[in-house]
C-alpha atoms as a PDB file:
ATOM      1  CA  MET A   1       0.000   0.000   0.000  1.00  0.00           C
ATOM      2  CA  ASP A   2       2.829   2.415   0.844  1.00  0.00           C
ATOM      3  CA  ALA A   3       4.566   1.630  -2.441  1.00  0.00           C
ATOM      4  CA  GLU A   4       1.392   2.421  -4.390  1.00  0.00           C
ATOM      5  CA  GLN A   5       1.012   5.740  -2.590  1.00  0.00           C
ATOM      6  CA  GLU A   6       4.651   6.597  -3.269  1.00  0.00           C
ATOM      7  CA  LEU A   7       4.166   5.781  -6.954  1.00  0.00           C
ATOM      8  CA  LEU A   8       1.080   7.976  -7.102  1.00  0.00           C
ATOM      9  CA  ASP A   9       2.900  10.812  -5.338  1.00  0.00           C
ATOM     10  CA  ALA A  10       5.814  10.515  -7.764  1.00  0.00           C
ATOM     11  CA  ARG A  11       3.455  10.676 -10.764  1.00  0.00           C
ATOM     12  CA  VAL A  12       1.682  13.722  -9.341  1.00  0.00           C
ATOM     13  CA  ASN A  13       5.032  15.404  -8.712  1.00  0.00           C
ATOM     14  CA  LEU A  14       6.121  14.662 -12.291  1.00  0.00           C
ATOM     15  CA  VAL A  15       2.961  16.175 -13.777  1.00  0.00           C
ATOM     16  CA  THR A  16       3.299  19.201 -11.494  1.00  0.00           C
ATOM     17  CA  ALA A  17       6.930  19.704 -12.570  1.00  0.00           C
ATOM     18  CA  GLU A  18       5.984  19.419 -16.261  1.00  0.00           C
ATOM     19  CA  ARG A  19       3.225  21.985 -15.781  1.00  0.00           C
ATOM     20  CA  ASP A  20       5.587  24.340 -13.943  1.00  0.00           C
ATOM     21  CA  GLN A  21       8.105  24.046 -16.784  1.00  0.00           C
ATOM     22  CA  LEU A  22       5.451  24.862 -19.391  1.00  0.00           C
ATOM     23  CA  VAL A  23       4.205  27.869 -17.410  1.00  0.00           C
ATOM     24  CA  ALA A  24       7.759  29.168 -16.972  1.00  0.00           C
ATOM     25  CA  THR A  25       8.422  28.775 -20.706  1.00  0.00           C
ATOM     26  CA  LEU A  26       5.274  30.684 -21.613  1.00  0.00           C
ATOM     27  CA  GLN A  27       6.036  33.413 -19.074  1.00  0.00           C
ATOM     28  CA  LEU A  28       9.516  33.830 -20.543  1.00  0.00           C
ATOM     29  CA  GLN A  29       8.143  34.017 -24.093  1.00  0.00           C
ATOM     30  CA  ALA A  30       5.561  36.586 -22.998  1.00  0.00           C
ATOM     31  CA  SER A  31       8.157  38.706 -21.203  1.00  0.00           C
ATOM     32  CA  VAL A  32      10.317  38.980 -24.336  1.00  0.00           C
ATOM     33  CA  GLY A  33       7.358  39.591 -26.643  1.00  0.00           C
ATOM     34  CA  ARG A  34       7.365  36.206 -28.353  1.00  0.00           C
ATOM     35  CA  LEU A  35       3.889  35.067 -27.325  1.00  0.00           C
ATOM     36  CA  THR A  36       1.980  36.566 -30.247  1.00  0.00           C
ATOM     37  CA  ALA A  37      -0.427  35.098 -32.772  1.00  0.00           C
ATOM     38  CA  GLU A  38       2.220  35.539 -35.469  1.00  0.00           C
ATOM     39  CA  ASP A  39       4.987  33.841 -33.465  1.00  0.00           C
ATOM     40  CA  LEU A  40       2.677  30.980 -32.520  1.00  0.00           C
ATOM     41  CA  ALA A  41       1.478  30.613 -36.149  1.00  0.00           C
ATOM     42  CA  LEU A  42      -2.153  30.563 -35.004  1.00  0.00           C
ATOM     43  CA  GLY A  43      -3.630  30.975 -38.472  1.00  0.00           C
ATOM     44  CA  VAL A  44      -5.842  33.933 -37.549  1.00  0.00           C
ATOM     45  CA  ASN A  45      -6.147  37.388 -39.055  1.00  0.00           C
ATOM     46  CA  LEU A  46      -3.387  39.492 -37.542  1.00  0.00           C
ATOM     47  CA  TYR A  47      -4.067  43.029 -36.349  1.00  0.00           C
ATOM     48  CA  ASP A  48      -2.564  45.627 -38.659  1.00  0.00           C
ATOM     49  CA  ALA A  49      -2.336  49.063 -37.057  1.00  0.00           C
ATOM     50  CA  MET A  50      -2.079  50.848 -40.410  1.00  0.00           C
ATOM     51  CA  ASP A  51      -5.237  49.175 -41.714  1.00  0.00           C
ATOM     52  CA  HIS A  52      -7.059  50.237 -38.550  1.00  0.00           C
ATOM     53  CA  TYR A  53      -5.700  53.755 -38.815  1.00  0.00           C
ATOM     54  CA  ASP A  54      -6.796  54.019 -42.448  1.00  0.00           C
ATOM     55  CA  ASP A  55     -10.246  52.768 -41.400  1.00  0.00           C
ATOM     56  CA  VAL A  56     -10.766  55.389 -38.678  1.00  0.00           C
ATOM     57  CA  LYS A  57      -8.785  58.439 -39.783  1.00  0.00           C
ATOM     58  CA  GLY A  58     -11.032  61.439 -40.210  1.00  0.00           C
ATOM     59  CA  SER A  59     -13.862  59.714 -38.326  1.00  0.00           C
ATOM     60  CA  PHE A  60     -15.554  60.858 -35.183  1.00  0.00           C
ATOM     61  CA  PHE A  61     -14.570  59.075 -31.984  1.00  0.00           C
ATOM     62  CA  GLY A  62     -16.049  55.577 -31.871  1.00  0.00           C
ATOM     63  CA  SER A  63     -16.959  55.340 -35.516  1.00  0.00           C
ATOM     64  CA  SER A  64     -15.338  53.382 -38.296  1.00  0.00           C
ATOM     65  CA  LYS A  65     -16.286  51.635 -41.508  1.00  0.00           C
ATOM     66  CA  ALA A  66     -16.517  48.333 -39.633  1.00  0.00           C
ATOM     67  CA  ALA A  67     -18.682  49.825 -36.873  1.00  0.00           C
ATOM     68  CA  ASN A  68     -20.955  51.476 -39.417  1.00  0.00           C
ATOM     69  CA  ALA A  69     -21.316  48.185 -41.308  1.00  0.00           C
ATOM     70  CA  ASP A  70     -22.185  46.397 -38.057  1.00  0.00           C
ATOM     71  CA  ALA A  71     -24.789  49.051 -37.223  1.00  0.00           C
ATOM     72  CA  LYS A  72     -26.431  48.651 -40.638  1.00  0.00           C
ATOM     73  CA  ARG A  73     -26.753  44.890 -40.141  1.00  0.00           C
ATOM     74  CA  ARG A  74     -28.792  45.301 -36.942  1.00  0.00           C
END
């Protein structure tokens, strides 16, 4: 019975250590700016600041082509 408990404890400790290593890796990547959709190759549309700027320049606060299109759909 003691041996089984020791085995279980060892397995739990292993999983905990693996989790801690993964969290530390992700924290390091985040701290150096490498935890982005582009770096992770997520396959999503990436935010482009210039596209957003072109969309809202000359607009009143809170309005944009995308917001106006959303409002027309409702």
